[in-house]
Protein backbone atom coordinates (compact mmCIF):
# COMPACT_ATOMS: atom_id res chain seq x y z
CA MET A 1 -23.63 -12.58 -25.14
CA ALA A 2 -25.83 -11.26 -22.37
CA ARG A 3 -24.45 -9.34 -19.42
CA GLU A 4 -24.15 -11.02 -16.05
CA SER A 5 -27.36 -11.04 -14.01
CA GLY A 6 -25.90 -9.83 -10.74
CA PRO A 7 -22.80 -8.54 -8.97
CA PRO A 8 -19.79 -10.84 -8.51
CA SER A 9 -19.78 -13.10 -5.44
CA ALA A 10 -17.77 -12.12 -2.36
CA ARG A 11 -15.27 -14.92 -3.01
CA TRP A 12 -14.80 -13.87 -6.64
CA ILE A 13 -14.25 -10.27 -5.54
CA THR A 14 -11.45 -11.43 -3.24
CA VAL A 15 -9.90 -13.41 -6.09
CA GLN A 16 -10.05 -10.37 -8.38
CA PHE A 17 -8.46 -8.21 -5.68
CA VAL A 18 -5.50 -10.57 -5.29
CA LEU A 19 -5.11 -11.10 -9.04
CA ALA A 20 -5.08 -7.34 -9.69
CA GLY A 21 -2.34 -6.88 -7.08
CA ILE A 22 -0.24 -9.64 -8.62
CA VAL A 23 -0.68 -8.39 -12.19
CA TRP A 24 0.12 -4.79 -11.25
CA GLY A 25 3.15 -5.91 -9.26
CA ALA A 26 4.37 -7.81 -12.33
CA SER A 27 3.74 -4.79 -14.56
CA PHE A 28 7.02 -3.21 -13.43
CA LEU A 29 8.86 -6.30 -14.63
CA PHE A 30 6.99 -6.18 -17.96
CA MET A 31 7.95 -2.53 -18.45
CA LYS A 32 11.59 -3.21 -17.64
CA VAL A 33 11.76 -6.05 -20.16
CA ALA A 34 9.94 -4.07 -22.86
CA LEU A 35 12.37 -1.16 -22.47
CA THR A 36 15.21 -3.35 -23.68
CA GLY A 37 13.86 -3.09 -27.23
CA ILE A 38 11.53 -0.10 -27.48
CA SER A 39 11.34 3.46 -26.19
CA PRO A 40 9.44 4.58 -23.05
CA ALA A 41 6.84 6.35 -25.21
CA GLN A 42 6.35 3.19 -27.26
CA VAL A 43 5.80 1.18 -24.07
CA ALA A 44 3.11 3.61 -22.89
CA TRP A 45 1.54 3.79 -26.37
CA THR A 46 1.38 0.01 -26.73
CA ARG A 47 -0.04 -0.75 -23.30
CA ILE A 48 -2.76 1.87 -23.64
CA LEU A 49 -3.87 0.79 -27.11
CA LEU A 50 -3.79 -2.91 -26.24
CA GLY A 51 -5.73 -2.20 -23.05
CA ALA A 52 -8.35 -0.19 -24.95
CA LEU A 53 -8.71 -2.88 -27.64
CA THR A 54 -9.07 -5.62 -25.01
CA LEU A 55 -11.72 -3.75 -23.06
CA GLY A 56 -13.48 -2.65 -26.24
CA ALA A 57 -13.81 -6.29 -27.33
CA LEU A 58 -15.27 -7.21 -23.93
CA VAL A 59 -17.73 -4.30 -24.09
CA LEU A 60 -18.94 -5.50 -27.50
CA LEU A 61 -19.19 -9.14 -26.42
CA ARG A 62 -21.12 -8.27 -23.28
CA ARG A 63 -23.20 -5.58 -25.01
CA GLU A 64 -22.38 -3.05 -22.32
CA ALA A 65 -24.11 0.30 -22.44
CA LEU A 66 -21.90 3.39 -22.72
CA SER A 67 -22.85 6.85 -21.57
CA ARG A 68 -24.39 9.21 -24.12
CA SER A 69 -23.50 12.30 -22.11
CA LEU A 70 -20.86 14.59 -23.58
CA ARG A 71 -20.15 15.81 -20.06
CA VAL A 72 -19.31 12.27 -18.91
CA TRP A 73 -17.04 11.73 -21.92
CA GLY A 74 -15.32 15.02 -21.17
CA HIS A 75 -14.55 13.76 -17.68
CA LEU A 76 -13.41 10.42 -19.10
CA THR A 77 -11.00 12.29 -21.38
CA VAL A 78 -9.49 14.06 -18.37
CA LEU A 79 -9.12 10.69 -16.64
CA GLY A 80 -7.57 9.19 -19.76
CA LEU A 81 -4.87 11.85 -19.59
CA THR A 82 -4.24 11.89 -15.84
CA PHE A 83 -4.91 8.23 -15.09
CA CYS A 84 -3.14 6.68 -18.09
CA VAL A 85 -1.21 8.90 -20.50
CA VAL A 86 0.80 11.01 -18.06
CA PRO A 87 1.65 8.35 -15.43
CA PHE A 88 2.37 5.63 -17.99
CA LEU A 89 4.82 7.90 -19.81
CA LEU A 90 6.48 8.89 -16.54
CA PHE A 91 6.76 5.33 -15.26
CA SER A 92 8.14 4.05 -18.55
CA TRP A 93 10.75 6.81 -18.73
CA ALA A 94 11.73 6.42 -15.07
CA GLN A 95 12.31 2.69 -15.30
CA GLN A 96 15.25 3.34 -17.59
CA HIS A 97 17.05 4.65 -14.50
CA VAL A 98 15.65 2.74 -11.49
CA SER A 99 15.00 -0.94 -10.86
CA SER A 100 11.54 -2.43 -11.26
CA GLY A 101 11.50 -3.19 -7.53
CA VAL A 102 12.19 0.42 -6.55
CA ALA A 103 9.53 1.63 -9.00
CA SER A 104 6.98 -0.72 -7.42
CA ILE A 105 7.90 0.55 -3.94
CA PHE A 106 7.44 4.19 -4.95
CA ASN A 107 4.12 3.25 -6.54
CA ALA A 108 2.88 2.48 -3.01
CA THR A 109 2.69 6.25 -2.37
CA THR A 110 -0.49 6.43 -4.48
CA PRO A 111 -2.93 6.40 -1.50
CA ILE A 112 -0.93 9.18 0.17
CA MET A 113 -1.15 11.24 -3.02
CA THR A 114 -4.87 10.49 -3.23
CA ALA A 115 -5.43 11.73 0.31
CA ILE A 116 -3.56 14.96 -0.46
CA MET A 117 -5.54 15.59 -3.65
CA ALA A 118 -8.90 14.73 -2.08
CA TRP A 119 -8.17 16.96 0.93
CA LEU A 120 -6.32 19.96 -0.48
CA VAL A 121 -7.20 20.14 -4.19
CA PHE A 122 -10.76 18.88 -4.62
CA ARG A 123 -11.99 19.32 -1.04
CA VAL A 124 -13.98 16.09 -1.16
CA GLU A 125 -12.58 14.87 2.17
CA LYS A 126 -12.02 16.45 5.55
CA LEU A 127 -9.07 14.85 7.30
CA LYS A 128 -8.59 14.47 11.02
CA LEU A 129 -5.35 15.51 12.66
CA LEU A 130 -4.20 11.88 12.78
CA GLN A 131 -4.85 11.52 9.04
CA VAL A 132 -2.81 14.64 8.30
CA LEU A 133 -0.08 13.12 10.44
CA GLY A 134 -0.35 10.02 8.27
CA ILE A 135 0.42 12.09 5.18
CA GLY A 136 3.50 13.43 6.94
CA VAL A 137 4.58 9.89 7.88
CA GLY A 138 4.13 8.82 4.26
CA ILE A 139 6.34 11.69 3.10
CA LEU A 140 8.93 10.63 5.68
CA GLY A 141 8.83 7.12 4.18
CA VAL A 142 9.57 8.56 0.75
CA ILE A 143 12.56 10.41 2.18
CA VAL A 144 13.86 7.17 3.70
CA ILE A 145 13.57 5.46 0.30
CA ILE A 146 15.42 8.29 -1.47
CA ALA A 147 18.09 8.22 1.28
CA PRO A 148 19.35 11.84 1.09
CA TRP A 149 22.08 11.03 3.67
CA GLN A 150 23.84 9.16 0.86
CA GLY A 151 24.23 12.47 -0.95
CA ILE A 152 21.88 14.32 -3.29
CA SER A 153 22.78 14.79 -6.93
CA LEU A 154 20.50 15.41 -9.87
CA ASP A 155 21.49 12.22 -11.60
CA GLY A 156 19.15 9.97 -13.56
CA SER A 157 18.14 7.96 -10.51
CA LEU A 158 16.90 10.88 -8.42
CA VAL A 159 15.10 12.51 -11.34
CA ALA A 160 13.50 9.16 -12.14
CA GLU A 161 12.29 8.78 -8.55
CA LEU A 162 10.78 12.26 -8.72
CA ALA A 163 9.13 11.31 -12.03
CA ILE A 164 7.54 8.29 -10.38
CA LEU A 165 6.24 10.50 -7.59
CA GLY A 166 4.79 12.72 -10.33
CA ALA A 167 3.06 9.64 -11.75
CA THR A 168 1.57 8.65 -8.40
CA ALA A 169 0.47 12.26 -7.87
CA SER A 170 -1.30 12.01 -11.23
CA TYR A 171 -3.00 8.82 -10.02
CA GLY A 172 -4.02 10.60 -6.83
CA PHE A 173 -5.44 13.49 -8.83
CA SER A 174 -7.43 11.01 -10.91
CA PHE A 175 -8.92 9.18 -7.91
CA ALA A 176 -10.02 12.44 -6.30
CA TYR A 177 -11.34 13.67 -9.66
CA MET A 178 -13.42 10.52 -10.01
CA ARG A 179 -14.90 11.03 -6.59
CA ARG A 180 -15.67 14.69 -7.29
CA PHE A 181 -17.10 14.44 -10.80
CA VAL A 182 -17.90 10.87 -11.92
CA SER A 183 -18.81 8.84 -8.86
CA ASN A 184 -22.01 7.71 -10.57
CA THR A 185 -22.13 7.56 -14.37
CA GLY A 186 -24.66 4.72 -14.63
CA MET A 187 -22.10 2.59 -16.49
CA SER A 188 -20.83 -0.78 -15.36
CA ALA A 189 -17.28 -1.17 -14.08
CA LEU A 190 -16.25 -2.59 -17.46
CA ALA A 191 -17.86 0.18 -19.51
CA PHE A 192 -16.51 2.93 -17.25
CA THR A 193 -12.97 1.52 -17.36
CA PHE A 194 -13.15 1.15 -21.13
CA GLY A 195 -14.30 4.76 -21.41
CA TYR A 196 -11.26 6.44 -19.91
CA ILE A 197 -8.74 3.98 -21.34
CA ALA A 198 -10.32 4.41 -24.79
CA MET A 199 -9.96 8.18 -24.50
CA ALA A 200 -6.33 7.68 -23.48
CA GLY A 201 -5.97 5.56 -26.62
CA VAL A 202 -7.37 8.39 -28.73
CA VAL A 203 -4.85 10.81 -27.22
CA MET A 204 -1.95 8.44 -27.81
CA THR A 205 -3.06 7.82 -31.39
CA LEU A 206 -2.98 11.57 -32.03
CA LEU A 207 0.50 11.74 -30.50
CA THR A 208 1.82 8.85 -32.60
CA PRO A 209 3.81 10.99 -35.09
CA PHE A 210 5.56 12.78 -32.23
CA LEU A 211 6.22 9.96 -29.77
CA VAL A 212 6.50 6.50 -31.24
CA LEU A 213 7.86 6.61 -34.79
CA THR A 214 11.32 5.41 -33.78
CA PRO A 215 13.12 2.12 -34.45
CA VAL A 216 12.23 -0.98 -32.40
CA GLN A 217 14.00 -4.24 -31.65
CA LEU A 218 11.44 -6.90 -30.81
CA ASP A 219 11.98 -10.39 -29.49
CA LEU A 220 9.67 -12.91 -27.83
CA PRO A 221 10.17 -11.71 -24.21
CA ILE A 222 9.46 -8.11 -25.25
CA ILE A 223 6.35 -9.07 -27.20
CA VAL A 224 5.01 -11.25 -24.38
CA SER A 225 5.71 -8.48 -21.85
CA LEU A 226 3.85 -5.90 -23.95
CA VAL A 227 0.85 -8.17 -24.47
CA LEU A 228 0.61 -8.96 -20.76
CA LEU A 229 1.19 -5.32 -19.80
CA GLY A 230 -1.47 -4.07 -22.22
CA CYS A 231 -4.18 -6.72 -22.37
CA LEU A 232 -3.93 -7.88 -18.78
CA GLY A 233 -2.33 -5.09 -16.74
CA THR A 234 -3.98 -2.14 -18.54
CA GLY A 235 -7.13 -4.02 -19.52
CA ILE A 236 -8.65 -6.80 -17.47
CA ALA A 237 -6.94 -5.93 -14.16
CA TYR A 238 -8.54 -2.48 -14.26
CA VAL A 239 -11.99 -4.10 -14.40
CA TRP A 240 -11.10 -6.42 -11.53
CA ASN A 241 -10.15 -3.39 -9.48
CA GLN A 242 -13.30 -1.45 -10.34
CA ASN A 243 -15.38 -4.45 -9.23
CA THR A 244 -13.43 -4.59 -5.97
CA VAL A 245 -13.89 -0.88 -5.31
CA ARG A 246 -17.62 -1.05 -5.94
CA ALA A 247 -18.00 -4.05 -3.64
CA TRP A 248 -15.63 -3.04 -0.81
CA GLY A 249 -15.36 0.73 -1.07
CA PRO A 250 -12.19 2.69 -1.89
CA THR A 251 -10.41 2.31 1.46
CA ARG A 252 -10.41 -1.50 1.60
CA ALA A 253 -9.79 -1.79 -2.14
CA SER A 254 -6.76 0.51 -1.90
CA THR A 255 -4.95 -2.09 0.20
CA VAL A 256 -4.01 -3.67 -3.14
CA THR A 257 -1.12 -1.22 -2.74
CA TYR A 258 0.36 -3.62 -0.18
CA ILE A 259 0.52 -6.46 -2.72
CA THR A 260 2.09 -4.72 -5.72
CA PRO A 261 5.49 -3.72 -4.22
CA VAL A 262 5.98 -7.17 -2.71
CA VAL A 263 5.36 -8.81 -6.09
CA GLY A 264 7.43 -6.18 -7.91
CA VAL A 265 10.45 -6.56 -5.65
CA ILE A 266 10.36 -10.38 -5.65
CA LEU A 267 10.09 -10.61 -9.45
CA GLY A 268 12.85 -8.03 -9.90
CA ILE A 269 15.19 -10.04 -7.69
CA LEU A 270 14.31 -13.49 -9.05
CA ILE A 271 14.06 -12.71 -12.77
CA LEU A 272 16.16 -9.59 -13.33
CA GLY A 273 18.76 -10.13 -10.63
CA GLU A 274 18.03 -6.77 -9.02
CA THR A 275 19.14 -5.83 -5.53
CA ILE A 276 17.62 -3.50 -2.98
CA SER A 277 19.17 -1.48 -0.17
CA TRP A 278 18.01 -1.71 3.44
CA ASN A 279 16.43 1.74 3.31
CA GLU A 280 14.03 0.89 0.48
CA PRO A 281 11.91 -1.78 2.24
CA LEU A 282 12.17 0.20 5.49
CA GLY A 283 10.88 3.29 3.70
CA ALA A 284 8.08 1.21 2.18
CA LEU A 285 7.01 0.08 5.68
CA VAL A 286 6.95 3.72 6.83
CA VAL A 287 4.85 4.62 3.77
CA PHE A 288 2.42 1.79 4.60
CA LEU A 289 2.12 3.11 8.16
CA GLY A 290 1.37 6.55 6.74
CA ILE A 291 -1.30 5.04 4.49
CA LEU A 292 -2.98 3.33 7.46
CA LEU A 293 -3.01 6.61 9.38
CA ALA A 294 -4.15 8.70 6.40
CA GLN A 295 -7.01 6.28 5.73
CA ASP A 296 -8.01 6.33 9.43
CA ARG A 297 -7.47 2.58 9.68
CA LEU A 298 -5.42 2.72 12.90
CA ARG A 299 -8.05 3.59 15.49
CA VAL A 300 -9.61 2.36 18.71
CA GLY A 301 -13.38 1.87 18.80
CA ARG A 302 -16.02 3.20 16.39
CA ARG A 303 -15.05 0.45 13.93
CA GLY A 304 -18.55 -0.17 12.73
CA HIS A 305 -19.18 3.54 12.13
CA ALA A 306 -15.97 3.95 10.18
CA GLU A 307 -16.62 0.91 8.01
CA GLY A 308 -20.10 2.17 7.27
CA ALA A 309 -18.67 5.49 6.12
CA THR A 310 -16.20 3.67 3.90
CA ALA A 311 -18.88 1.57 2.27
CA ALA A 312 -20.87 4.67 1.43
CA ALA A 313 -17.97 6.52 -0.13
CA PRO A 314 -17.74 7.00 -3.90
CA ALA A 315 -15.42 4.54 -5.53
CA PRO A 316 -12.29 5.38 -7.44
CA SER A 317 -9.92 2.59 -8.41
CA ILE A 318 -6.28 1.99 -7.65
CA SER A 319 -4.47 1.40 -10.91
CA ARG A 320 -1.08 0.91 -12.40
C-alpha cells in the first residue's frame, strides 16, 4: 500500500484532534476497568506492546521509512522511557487509589509541566513575566484540587496524586526533549510515533520477568478495555495527535488537554458511578487559566505575530 500523497485536510485534522481528546479522556476509564483484573505494571506493559504492534503493522502496510541514524534511535529510546514507560506505570499505579475522573483532571497539568521543562531544564523557551505567572496559577490550581485545607496525610490518595504529577512532569520532560533534540527527524508522524513506542515496547519486554509475571483475572470488559487502551489510545490516537501538532503547531494542538478531563470525568460518573468534590473542577479551571497564561494565549494585540511564532515552533505531541 502506497503512502498518502499529501498532508491531511484541515477538516480531517480537526476530526483527529477531537477524536484524540475523546480517546485519551476515555483512557482513564479503560485503565480503571483493567485494574480490576490485572496489576498496574501489567496494564502499562499491555498498552505499550499493543500500541507498538498496532503502529508497527501500519508502518509495514504504508511502507513508511524509518530513520537509519543511531543518534535518532537513541533519542527515541529516551522518549520511550519518559513518554511511555515511566508515566504509564505511574498512572496505572495511581489509579488504584484515585478515581478516573480525578486522574484525568490532574493530567491537564501536562502543558504547565511542559512550560517548566522547556524554560528551566532545556532552555528552549524564554518566558515572559505573564507566562511565569501562568505557571504559578497552574500550581495554585493543583493545590486547589489537592485541597490541603481538608488535612494532609500521606495516605494512598495523596501519594497517588503526587505520582500522577510525576507522570505529567515526565510528559513535560518528553515534549521539551523532543523540541530540543528531535524536532526534525525526516520521519512521518506515523513512523516517528512508532519509533518511540517501539523502543518503550523493547524496554517493557526486557522488564517482563520483573514486572508482569503475576496472576491475572480476565473477563470481557477487561480485555476490551486493554485492546482499546493499547491499540487505540496508545497507538492510533498518538498518530492523530502528531498530525495535529504538525499542522497546527504545539500551542494550538495542546488544547486537547481541555477535552480529556471533561471526557474522563463524565465517563467516570456515568459508567463507574464516581463522584467529584467542588474543589476538583474548580482547580481544573484554575489550571486551564494557568495554561492559557503560560502559553501566552491571553493577550491584547499582536495576535498575528504570536500565531506566526506558534506555527514556526517545533512540534511535540500531547499524549496520554
